[in-house]
């Protein structure tokens, strides 16, 4: 998985490319732990994310909990496969998806 970060003031946009799974989620979690204290809004761009597993969902949920107290978090450009995972797990009711 490739992680590309773009900071614009207190807004961080993270583009993920590839698979967010058991192998790659610790890398994303580490990146988030470094940036979350310094931002008030987090945007995930999933236009190039091919797959997300339960490990990836856990990282998103943790980030959502932190960001809901600080400002907000949204997920954009979700493909059908990832959207189906969000729907089946109930994450589509928790996350702001655009």
PDB file of N, CA and C in Angstrom:
ATOM      1  N   UNK A   1       0.838  -1.179   0.000  1.00  0.00           N
ATOM      2  CA  UNK A   1       0.000   0.000   0.000  1.00  0.00           C
ATOM      3  C   UNK A   1       0.881   1.239   0.000  1.00  0.00           C
ATOM      4  N   UNK A   2       0.449   2.240  -0.728  1.00  0.00           N
ATOM      5  CA  UNK A   2       1.137   3.518  -0.775  1.00  0.00           C
ATOM      6  C   UNK A   2       0.290   4.555  -0.051  1.00  0.00           C
ATOM      7  N   UNK A   3       0.939   5.344   0.803  1.00  0.00           N
ATOM      8  CA  UNK A   3       0.259   6.406   1.544  1.00  0.00           C
ATOM      9  C   UNK A   3       0.836   7.740   1.089  1.00  0.00           C
ATOM     10  N   UNK A   4      -0.035   8.613   0.580  1.00  0.00           N
ATOM     11  CA  UNK A   4       0.371   9.953   0.196  1.00  0.00           C
ATOM     12  C   UNK A   4      -0.397  10.953   1.058  1.00  0.00           C
ATOM     13  N   UNK A   5       0.341  11.816   1.735  1.00  0.00           N
ATOM     14  CA  UNK A   5      -0.279  12.801   2.629  1.00  0.00           C
ATOM     15  C   UNK A   5      -0.117  14.195   2.041  1.00  0.00           C
ATOM     16  N   UNK A   6      -1.172  14.994   2.214  1.00  0.00           N
ATOM     17  CA  UNK A   6      -1.126  16.383   1.780  1.00  0.00           C
ATOM     18  C   UNK A   6      -1.768  17.224   2.881  1.00  0.00           C
ATOM     19  N   UNK A   7      -0.970  18.128   3.434  1.00  0.00           N
ATOM     20  CA  UNK A   7      -1.473  18.970   4.518  1.00  0.00           C
ATOM     21  C   UNK A   7      -1.779  20.362   3.984  1.00  0.00           C
ATOM     22  N   UNK A   8      -2.940  20.874   4.359  1.00  0.00           N
ATOM     23  CA  UNK A   8      -3.355  22.219   3.981  1.00  0.00           C
ATOM     24  C   UNK A   8      -3.859  22.901   5.247  1.00  0.00           C
ATOM     25  N   UNK A   9      -2.958  23.589   5.942  1.00  0.00           N
ATOM     26  CA  UNK A   9      -3.310  24.176   7.233  1.00  0.00           C
ATOM     27  C   UNK A   9      -3.561  23.073   8.244  1.00  0.00           C
ATOM     28  N   UNK A  10      -4.773  23.055   8.805  1.00  0.00           N
ATOM     29  CA  UNK A  10      -5.109  22.036   9.801  1.00  0.00           C
ATOM     30  C   UNK A  10      -5.885  20.870   9.195  1.00  0.00           C
ATOM     31  N   UNK A  11      -5.920  20.801   7.851  1.00  0.00           N
ATOM     32  CA  UNK A  11      -6.609  19.717   7.149  1.00  0.00           C
ATOM     33  C   UNK A  11      -5.576  18.790   6.519  1.00  0.00           C
ATOM     34  N   UNK A  12      -5.698  17.508   6.800  1.00  0.00           N
ATOM     35  CA  UNK A  12      -4.805  16.507   6.233  1.00  0.00           C
ATOM     36  C   UNK A  12      -5.613  15.604   5.301  1.00  0.00           C
ATOM     37  N   UNK A  13      -5.140  15.473   4.066  1.00  0.00           N
ATOM     38  CA  UNK A  13      -5.739  14.533   3.123  1.00  0.00           C
ATOM     39  C   UNK A  13      -4.759  13.381   2.929  1.00  0.00           C
ATOM     40  N   UNK A  14      -5.281  12.180   3.104  1.00  0.00           N
ATOM     41  CA  UNK A  14      -4.461  10.985   2.949  1.00  0.00           C
ATOM     42  C   UNK A  14      -5.027  10.153   1.807  1.00  0.00           C
ATOM     43  N   UNK A  15      -4.215   9.962   0.782  1.00  0.00           N
ATOM     44  CA  UNK A  15      -4.587   9.116  -0.354  1.00  0.00           C
ATOM     45  C   UNK A  15      -3.971   7.741  -0.138  1.00  0.00           C
ATOM     46  N   UNK A  16      -4.802   6.716  -0.201  1.00  0.00           N
ATOM     47  CA  UNK A  16      -4.324   5.347  -0.044  1.00  0.00           C
ATOM     48  C   UNK A  16      -4.421   4.631  -1.376  1.00  0.00           C
ATOM     49  N   UNK A  17      -3.361   3.897  -1.717  1.00  0.00           N
ATOM     50  CA  UNK A  17      -3.339   3.142  -2.964  1.00  0.00           C
ATOM     51  C   UNK A  17      -2.964   1.702  -2.653  1.00  0.00           C
ATOM     52  N   UNK A  18      -3.784   0.770  -3.131  1.00  0.00           N
ATOM     53  CA  UNK A  18      -3.501  -0.644  -2.901  1.00  0.00           C
ATOM     54  C   UNK A  18      -4.498  -1.272  -1.954  1.00  0.00           C
ATOM     55  N   UNK A  19      -3.978  -2.046  -1.005  1.00  0.00           N
ATOM     56  CA  UNK A  19      -4.818  -2.808  -0.073  1.00  0.00           C
ATOM     57  C   UNK A  19      -4.539  -2.369   1.364  1.00  0.00           C
ATOM     58  N   UNK A  20      -5.610  -2.091   2.089  1.00  0.00           N
ATOM     59  CA  UNK A  20      -5.495  -1.782   3.512  1.00  0.00           C
ATOM     60  C   UNK A  20      -5.943  -3.025   4.269  1.00  0.00           C
ATOM     61  N   UNK A  21      -4.963  -3.800   4.729  1.00  0.00           N
ATOM     62  CA  UNK A  21      -5.253  -5.091   5.346  1.00  0.00           C
ATOM     63  C   UNK A  21      -4.356  -5.310   6.555  1.00  0.00           C
ATOM     64  N   UNK A  22      -4.295  -6.535   7.028  1.00  0.00           N
ATOM     65  CA  UNK A  22      -3.523  -6.872   8.217  1.00  0.00           C
ATOM     66  C   UNK A  22      -2.050  -6.497   8.074  1.00  0.00           C
ATOM     67  N   UNK A  23      -1.521  -6.640   6.886  1.00  0.00           N
ATOM     68  CA  UNK A  23      -0.109  -6.348   6.638  1.00  0.00           C
ATOM     69  C   UNK A  23       0.174  -4.853   6.605  1.00  0.00           C
ATOM     70  N   UNK A  24      -0.729  -4.081   6.005  1.00  0.00           N
ATOM     71  CA  UNK A  24      -0.467  -2.657   5.778  1.00  0.00           C
ATOM     72  C   UNK A  24      -1.078  -1.720   6.812  1.00  0.00           C
ATOM     73  N   UNK A  25      -2.068  -2.179   7.558  1.00  0.00           N
ATOM     74  CA  UNK A  25      -2.741  -1.277   8.512  1.00  0.00           C
ATOM     75  C   UNK A  25      -1.816  -0.739   9.608  1.00  0.00           C
ATOM     76  N   UNK A  26      -0.825  -1.499  10.095  1.00  0.00           N
ATOM     77  CA  UNK A  26       0.081  -0.903  11.088  1.00  0.00           C
ATOM     78  C   UNK A  26       0.848   0.311  10.557  1.00  0.00           C
ATOM     79  N   UNK A  27       1.164   0.304   9.271  1.00  0.00           N
ATOM     80  CA  UNK A  27       1.860   1.448   8.668  1.00  0.00           C
ATOM     81  C   UNK A  27       0.961   2.681   8.684  1.00  0.00           C
ATOM     82  N   UNK A  28      -0.302   2.507   8.300  1.00  0.00           N
ATOM     83  CA  UNK A  28      -1.245   3.627   8.315  1.00  0.00           C
ATOM     84  C   UNK A  28      -1.463   4.109   9.743  1.00  0.00           C
ATOM     85  N   UNK A  29      -1.595   3.184  10.667  1.00  0.00           N
ATOM     86  CA  UNK A  29      -1.800   3.552  12.073  1.00  0.00           C
ATOM     87  C   UNK A  29      -0.632   4.396  12.587  1.00  0.00           C
ATOM     88  N   UNK A  30       0.577   4.025  12.240  1.00  0.00           N
ATOM     89  CA  UNK A  30       1.761   4.778  12.653  1.00  0.00           C
ATOM     90  C   UNK A  30       1.737   6.194  12.069  1.00  0.00           C
ATOM     91  N   UNK A  31       1.414   6.290  10.782  1.00  0.00           N
ATOM     92  CA  UNK A  31       1.320   7.601  10.117  1.00  0.00           C
ATOM     93  C   UNK A  31       0.265   8.470  10.798  1.00  0.00           C
ATOM     94  N   UNK A  32      -0.884   7.881  11.103  1.00  0.00           N
ATOM     95  CA  UNK A  32      -1.968   8.638  11.737  1.00  0.00           C
ATOM     96  C   UNK A  32      -1.578   9.120  13.127  1.00  0.00           C
ATOM     97  N   UNK A  33      -0.891   8.288  13.879  1.00  0.00           N
ATOM     98  CA  UNK A  33      -0.455   8.684  15.223  1.00  0.00           C
ATOM     99  C   UNK A  33       0.463   9.896  15.181  1.00  0.00           C
ATOM    100  N   UNK A  34       1.201  10.035  14.086  1.00  0.00           N
ATOM    101  CA  UNK A  34       2.097  11.185  13.941  1.00  0.00           C
ATOM    102  C   UNK A  34       1.362  12.458  13.556  1.00  0.00           C
ATOM    103  N   UNK A  35       0.304  12.355  12.738  1.00  0.00           N
ATOM    104  CA  UNK A  35      -0.345  13.561  12.210  1.00  0.00           C
ATOM    105  C   UNK A  35      -1.599  13.997  12.963  1.00  0.00           C
ATOM    106  N   UNK A  36      -2.314  13.075  13.594  1.00  0.00           N
ATOM    107  CA  UNK A  36      -3.590  13.425  14.222  1.00  0.00           C
ATOM    108  C   UNK A  36      -3.493  14.529  15.277  1.00  0.00           C
ATOM    109  N   UNK A  37      -2.442  14.586  16.081  1.00  0.00           N
ATOM    110  CA  UNK A  37      -2.380  15.655  17.082  1.00  0.00           C
ATOM    111  C   UNK A  37      -2.311  17.058  16.477  1.00  0.00           C
ATOM    112  N   UNK A  38      -1.902  17.180  15.218  1.00  0.00           N
ATOM    113  CA  UNK A  38      -1.655  18.487  14.620  1.00  0.00           C
ATOM    114  C   UNK A  38      -2.745  18.965  13.667  1.00  0.00           C
ATOM    115  N   UNK A  39      -3.841  18.217  13.522  1.00  0.00           N
ATOM    116  CA  UNK A  39      -4.867  18.582  12.555  1.00  0.00           C
ATOM    117  C   UNK A  39      -6.249  18.631  13.198  1.00  0.00           C
ATOM    118  N   UNK A  40      -7.186  19.311  12.512  1.00  0.00           N
ATOM    119  CA  UNK A  40      -8.572  19.351  12.993  1.00  0.00           C
ATOM    120  C   UNK A  40      -9.529  18.666  12.020  1.00  0.00           C
ATOM    121  N   UNK A  41      -9.075  18.399  10.805  1.00  0.00           N
ATOM    122  CA  UNK A  41      -9.904  17.690   9.841  1.00  0.00           C
ATOM    123  C   UNK A  41      -9.053  16.684   9.083  1.00  0.00           C
ATOM    124  N   UNK A  42      -9.620  15.485   8.898  1.00  0.00           N
ATOM    125  CA  UNK A  42      -8.929  14.405   8.199  1.00  0.00           C
ATOM    126  C   UNK A  42      -9.793  13.935   7.043  1.00  0.00           C
ATOM    127  N   UNK A  43      -9.191  13.860   5.863  1.00  0.00           N
ATOM    128  CA  UNK A  43      -9.888  13.389   4.670  1.00  0.00           C
ATOM    129  C   UNK A  43      -9.114  12.196   4.110  1.00  0.00           C
ATOM    130  N   UNK A  44      -9.814  11.086   3.944  1.00  0.00           N
ATOM    131  CA  UNK A  44      -9.229   9.925   3.279  1.00  0.00           C
ATOM    132  C   UNK A  44      -9.733   9.897   1.848  1.00  0.00           C
ATOM    133  N   UNK A  45      -8.830   9.832   0.893  1.00  0.00           N
ATOM    134  CA  UNK A  45      -9.185   9.676  -0.509  1.00  0.00           C
ATOM    135  C   UNK A  45      -8.924   8.219  -0.879  1.00  0.00           C
ATOM    136  N   UNK A  46     -10.004   7.493  -1.146  1.00  0.00           N
ATOM    137  CA  UNK A  46      -9.908   6.060  -1.433  1.00  0.00           C
ATOM    138  C   UNK A  46     -10.035   5.767  -2.921  1.00  0.00           C
ATOM    139  N   UNK A  47      -9.766   6.748  -3.792  1.00  0.00           N
ATOM    140  CA  UNK A  47      -9.931   6.541  -5.227  1.00  0.00           C
ATOM    141  C   UNK A  47      -9.043   5.424  -5.762  1.00  0.00           C
ATOM    142  N   UNK A  48      -7.929   5.136  -5.087  1.00  0.00           N
ATOM    143  CA  UNK A  48      -7.024   4.081  -5.544  1.00  0.00           C
ATOM    144  C   UNK A  48      -6.919   2.924  -4.546  1.00  0.00           C
ATOM    145  N   UNK A  49      -7.823   2.917  -3.559  1.00  0.00           N
ATOM    146  CA  UNK A  49      -7.834   1.809  -2.597  1.00  0.00           C
ATOM    147  C   UNK A  49      -8.622   0.648  -3.192  1.00  0.00           C
ATOM    148  N   UNK A  50      -7.994  -0.513  -3.265  1.00  0.00           N
ATOM    149  CA  UNK A  50      -8.610  -1.673  -3.896  1.00  0.00           C
ATOM    150  C   UNK A  50      -9.391  -2.540  -2.922  1.00  0.00           C
ATOM    151  N   UNK A  51      -8.976  -2.554  -1.649  1.00  0.00           N
ATOM    152  CA  UNK A  51      -9.545  -3.504  -0.690  1.00  0.00           C
ATOM    153  C   UNK A  51      -9.309  -2.989   0.718  1.00  0.00           C
ATOM    154  N   UNK A  52     -10.243  -3.287   1.615  1.00  0.00           N
ATOM    155  CA  UNK A  52     -10.050  -2.983   3.035  1.00  0.00           C
ATOM    156  C   UNK A  52     -10.505  -4.180   3.857  1.00  0.00           C
ATOM    157  N   UNK A  53      -9.695  -4.568   4.837  1.00  0.00           N
ATOM    158  CA  UNK A  53     -10.027  -5.701   5.709  1.00  0.00           C
ATOM    159  C   UNK A  53     -10.476  -5.176   7.070  1.00  0.00           C
ATOM    160  N   UNK A  54     -10.784  -6.095   7.966  1.00  0.00           N
ATOM    161  CA  UNK A  54     -11.206  -5.701   9.316  1.00  0.00           C
ATOM    162  C   UNK A  54     -10.094  -4.947  10.047  1.00  0.00           C
ATOM    163  N   UNK A  55      -8.854  -5.278   9.761  1.00  0.00           N
ATOM    164  CA  UNK A  55      -7.733  -4.554  10.375  1.00  0.00           C
ATOM    165  C   UNK A  55      -7.720  -3.100   9.911  1.00  0.00           C
ATOM    166  N   UNK A  56      -8.006  -2.884   8.639  1.00  0.00           N
ATOM    167  CA  UNK A  56      -8.095  -1.531   8.110  1.00  0.00           C
ATOM    168  C   UNK A  56      -9.279  -0.777   8.694  1.00  0.00           C
ATOM    169  N   UNK A  57     -10.399  -1.473   8.864  1.00  0.00           N
ATOM    170  CA  UNK A  57     -11.583  -0.855   9.476  1.00  0.00           C
ATOM    171  C   UNK A  57     -11.285  -0.394  10.901  1.00  0.00           C
ATOM    172  N   UNK A  58     -10.517  -1.184  11.622  1.00  0.00           N
ATOM    173  CA  UNK A  58     -10.166  -0.820  12.998  1.00  0.00           C
ATOM    174  C   UNK A  58      -9.372   0.478  13.028  1.00  0.00           C
ATOM    175  N   UNK A  59      -8.437   0.628  12.099  1.00  0.00           N
ATOM    176  CA  UNK A  59      -7.637   1.858  12.032  1.00  0.00           C
ATOM    177  C   UNK A  59      -8.541   3.056  11.719  1.00  0.00           C
ATOM    178  N   UNK A  60      -9.480   2.874  10.778  1.00  0.00           N
ATOM    179  CA  UNK A  60     -10.407   3.955  10.448  1.00  0.00           C
ATOM    180  C   UNK A  60     -11.280   4.331  11.640  1.00  0.00           C
ATOM    181  N   UNK A  61     -11.762   3.326  12.359  1.00  0.00           N
ATOM    182  CA  UNK A  61     -12.619   3.597  13.517  1.00  0.00           C
ATOM    183  C   UNK A  61     -11.860   4.351  14.601  1.00  0.00           C
ATOM    184  N   UNK A  62     -10.627   3.977  14.848  1.00  0.00           N
ATOM    185  CA  UNK A  62      -9.799   4.679  15.836  1.00  0.00           C
ATOM    186  C   UNK A  62      -9.587   6.129  15.421  1.00  0.00           C
ATOM    187  N   UNK A  63      -9.270   6.354  14.153  1.00  0.00           N
ATOM    188  CA  UNK A  63      -9.080   7.721  13.652  1.00  0.00           C
ATOM    189  C   UNK A  63     -10.380   8.507  13.746  1.00  0.00           C
ATOM    190  N   UNK A  64     -11.496   7.867  13.431  1.00  0.00           N
ATOM    191  CA  UNK A  64     -12.803   8.532  13.502  1.00  0.00           C
ATOM    192  C   UNK A  64     -13.097   8.988  14.929  1.00  0.00           C
ATOM    193  N   UNK A  65     -12.812   8.141  15.901  1.00  0.00           N
ATOM    194  CA  UNK A  65     -13.057   8.499  17.307  1.00  0.00           C
ATOM    195  C   UNK A  65     -12.232   9.714  17.718  1.00  0.00           C
ATOM    196  N   UNK A  66     -10.976   9.732  17.332  1.00  0.00           N
ATOM    197  CA  UNK A  66     -10.095  10.861  17.662  1.00  0.00           C
ATOM    198  C   UNK A  66     -10.584  12.130  16.965  1.00  0.00           C
ATOM    199  N   UNK A  67     -10.867  12.028  15.684  1.00  0.00           N
ATOM    200  CA  UNK A  67     -11.227  13.207  14.902  1.00  0.00           C
ATOM    201  C   UNK A  67     -12.618  13.732  15.233  1.00  0.00           C
ATOM    202  N   UNK A  68     -13.513  12.893  15.709  1.00  0.00           N
ATOM    203  CA  UNK A  68     -14.847  13.374  16.064  1.00  0.00           C
ATOM    204  C   UNK A  68     -14.792  14.329  17.252  1.00  0.00           C
ATOM    205  N   UNK A  69     -13.757  14.236  18.054  1.00  0.00           N
ATOM    206  CA  UNK A  69     -13.576  15.160  19.188  1.00  0.00           C
ATOM    207  C   UNK A  69     -12.824  16.423  18.784  1.00  0.00           C
ATOM    208  N   UNK A  70     -12.190  16.400  17.614  1.00  0.00           N
ATOM    209  CA  UNK A  70     -11.327  17.507  17.210  1.00  0.00           C
ATOM    210  C   UNK A  70     -11.884  18.345  16.067  1.00  0.00           C
ATOM    211  N   UNK A  71     -12.751  17.796  15.272  1.00  0.00           N
ATOM    212  CA  UNK A  71     -13.224  18.503  14.095  1.00  0.00           C
ATOM    213  C   UNK A  71     -14.034  17.592  13.210  1.00  0.00           C
ATOM    214  N   UNK A  72     -13.382  16.706  12.503  1.00  0.00           N
ATOM    215  CA  UNK A  72     -14.123  15.784  11.665  1.00  0.00           C
ATOM    216  C   UNK A  72     -13.241  14.946  10.779  1.00  0.00           C
ATOM    217  N   UNK A  73     -13.870  13.926  10.210  1.00  0.00           N
ATOM    218  CA  UNK A  73     -13.185  13.024   9.307  1.00  0.00           C
ATOM    219  C   UNK A  73     -14.169  12.600   8.233  1.00  0.00           C
ATOM    220  N   UNK A  74     -13.706  12.534   6.993  1.00  0.00           N
ATOM    221  CA  UNK A  74     -14.560  12.022   5.926  1.00  0.00           C
ATOM    222  C   UNK A  74     -13.747  11.138   4.994  1.00  0.00           C
ATOM    223  N   UNK A  75     -14.469  10.284   4.297  1.00  0.00           N
ATOM    224  CA  UNK A  75     -13.874   9.359   3.343  1.00  0.00           C
ATOM    225  C   UNK A  75     -14.465   9.686   1.979  1.00  0.00           C
ATOM    226  N   UNK A  76     -13.604   9.857   0.973  1.00  0.00           N
ATOM    227  CA  UNK A  76     -14.078  10.225  -0.355  1.00  0.00           C
ATOM    228  C   UNK A  76     -13.650   9.193  -1.398  1.00  0.00           C
ATOM    229  N   UNK A  77     -14.340   9.213  -2.524  1.00  0.00           N
ATOM    230  CA  UNK A  77     -13.989   8.393  -3.699  1.00  0.00           C
ATOM    231  C   UNK A  77     -13.916   6.897  -3.383  1.00  0.00           C
ATOM    232  N   UNK A  78     -14.949   6.390  -2.740  1.00  0.00           N
ATOM    233  CA  UNK A  78     -14.986   4.980  -2.348  1.00  0.00           C
ATOM    234  C   UNK A  78     -15.511   4.142  -3.513  1.00  0.00           C
ATOM    235  N   UNK A  79     -14.777   3.074  -3.859  1.00  0.00           N
ATOM    236  CA  UNK A  79     -15.242   2.203  -4.951  1.00  0.00           C
ATOM    237  C   UNK A  79     -16.301   1.225  -4.436  1.00  0.00           C
ATOM    238  N   UNK A  80     -16.889   0.456  -5.347  1.00  0.00           N
ATOM    239  CA  UNK A  80     -17.988  -0.448  -4.990  1.00  0.00           C
ATOM    240  C   UNK A  80     -17.571  -1.526  -3.994  1.00  0.00           C
ATOM    241  N   UNK A  81     -16.373  -2.057  -4.152  1.00  0.00           N
ATOM    242  CA  UNK A  81     -15.906  -3.136  -3.272  1.00  0.00           C
ATOM    243  C   UNK A  81     -15.772  -2.633  -1.836  1.00  0.00           C
ATOM    244  N   UNK A  82     -15.114  -1.493  -1.665  1.00  0.00           N
ATOM    245  CA  UNK A  82     -14.921  -0.932  -0.330  1.00  0.00           C
ATOM    246  C   UNK A  82     -16.269  -0.480   0.238  1.00  0.00           C
ATOM    247  N   UNK A  83     -17.129   0.107  -0.601  1.00  0.00           N
ATOM    248  CA  UNK A  83     -18.448   0.541  -0.132  1.00  0.00           C
ATOM    249  C   UNK A  83     -19.264  -0.646   0.375  1.00  0.00           C
ATOM    250  N   UNK A  84     -19.160  -1.772  -0.298  1.00  0.00           N
ATOM    251  CA  UNK A  84     -19.879  -2.963   0.147  1.00  0.00           C
ATOM    252  C   UNK A  84     -19.395  -3.413   1.525  1.00  0.00           C
ATOM    253  N   UNK A  85     -18.080  -3.352   1.757  1.00  0.00           N
ATOM    254  CA  UNK A  85     -17.539  -3.688   3.083  1.00  0.00           C
ATOM    255  C   UNK A  85     -18.102  -2.717   4.122  1.00  0.00           C
ATOM    256  N   UNK A  86     -18.132  -1.418   3.801  1.00  0.00           N
ATOM    257  CA  UNK A  86     -18.687  -0.423   4.719  1.00  0.00           C
ATOM    258  C   UNK A  86     -20.160  -0.716   5.016  1.00  0.00           C
ATOM    259  N   UNK A  87     -20.925  -1.082   3.980  1.00  0.00           N
ATOM    260  CA  UNK A  87     -22.353  -1.359   4.152  1.00  0.00           C
ATOM    261  C   UNK A  87     -22.591  -2.587   5.021  1.00  0.00           C
ATOM    262  N   UNK A  88     -21.868  -3.660   4.737  1.00  0.00           N
ATOM    263  CA  UNK A  88     -22.059  -4.925   5.458  1.00  0.00           C
ATOM    264  C   UNK A  88     -21.664  -4.794   6.931  1.00  0.00           C
ATOM    265  N   UNK A  89     -20.620  -4.021   7.203  1.00  0.00           N
ATOM    266  CA  UNK A  89     -20.125  -3.894   8.575  1.00  0.00           C
ATOM    267  C   UNK A  89     -20.801  -2.766   9.360  1.00  0.00           C
ATOM    268  N   UNK A  90     -21.608  -1.961   8.691  1.00  0.00           N
ATOM    269  CA  UNK A  90     -22.262  -0.840   9.363  1.00  0.00           C
ATOM    270  C   UNK A  90     -21.421   0.430   9.399  1.00  0.00           C
ATOM    271  N   UNK A  91     -20.247   0.391   8.797  1.00  0.00           N
ATOM    272  CA  UNK A  91     -19.379   1.571   8.786  1.00  0.00           C
ATOM    273  C   UNK A  91     -19.983   2.707   7.961  1.00  0.00           C
ATOM    274  N   UNK A  92     -20.853   2.370   7.006  1.00  0.00           N
ATOM    275  CA  UNK A  92     -21.490   3.420   6.204  1.00  0.00           C
ATOM    276  C   UNK A  92     -22.409   4.282   7.063  1.00  0.00           C
ATOM    277  N   UNK A  93     -22.844   3.750   8.215  1.00  0.00           N
ATOM    278  CA  UNK A  93     -23.668   4.527   9.154  1.00  0.00           C
ATOM    279  C   UNK A  93     -22.817   5.344  10.114  1.00  0.00           C
ATOM    280  N   UNK A  94     -21.553   4.981  10.261  1.00  0.00           N
ATOM    281  CA  UNK A  94     -20.653   5.645  11.213  1.00  0.00           C
ATOM    282  C   UNK A  94     -19.842   6.736  10.529  1.00  0.00           C
ATOM    283  N   UNK A  95     -19.279   6.421   9.374  1.00  0.00           N
ATOM    284  CA  UNK A  95     -18.381   7.336   8.676  1.00  0.00           C
ATOM    285  C   UNK A  95     -19.126   8.320   7.788  1.00  0.00           C
ATOM    286  N   UNK A  96     -18.516   9.472   7.574  1.00  0.00           N
ATOM    287  CA  UNK A  96     -19.020  10.412   6.573  1.00  0.00           C
ATOM    288  C   UNK A  96     -18.355  10.039   5.256  1.00  0.00           C
ATOM    289  N   UNK A  97     -19.166   9.546   4.310  1.00  0.00           N
ATOM    290  CA  UNK A  97     -18.642   9.078   3.044  1.00  0.00           C
ATOM    291  C   UNK A  97     -19.195   9.965   1.928  1.00  0.00           C
ATOM    292  N   UNK A  98     -18.297  10.520   1.146  1.00  0.00           N
ATOM    293  CA  UNK A  98     -18.705  11.391   0.027  1.00  0.00           C
ATOM    294  C   UNK A  98     -18.269  10.801  -1.283  1.00  0.00           C
TER     295      UNK A  98
END
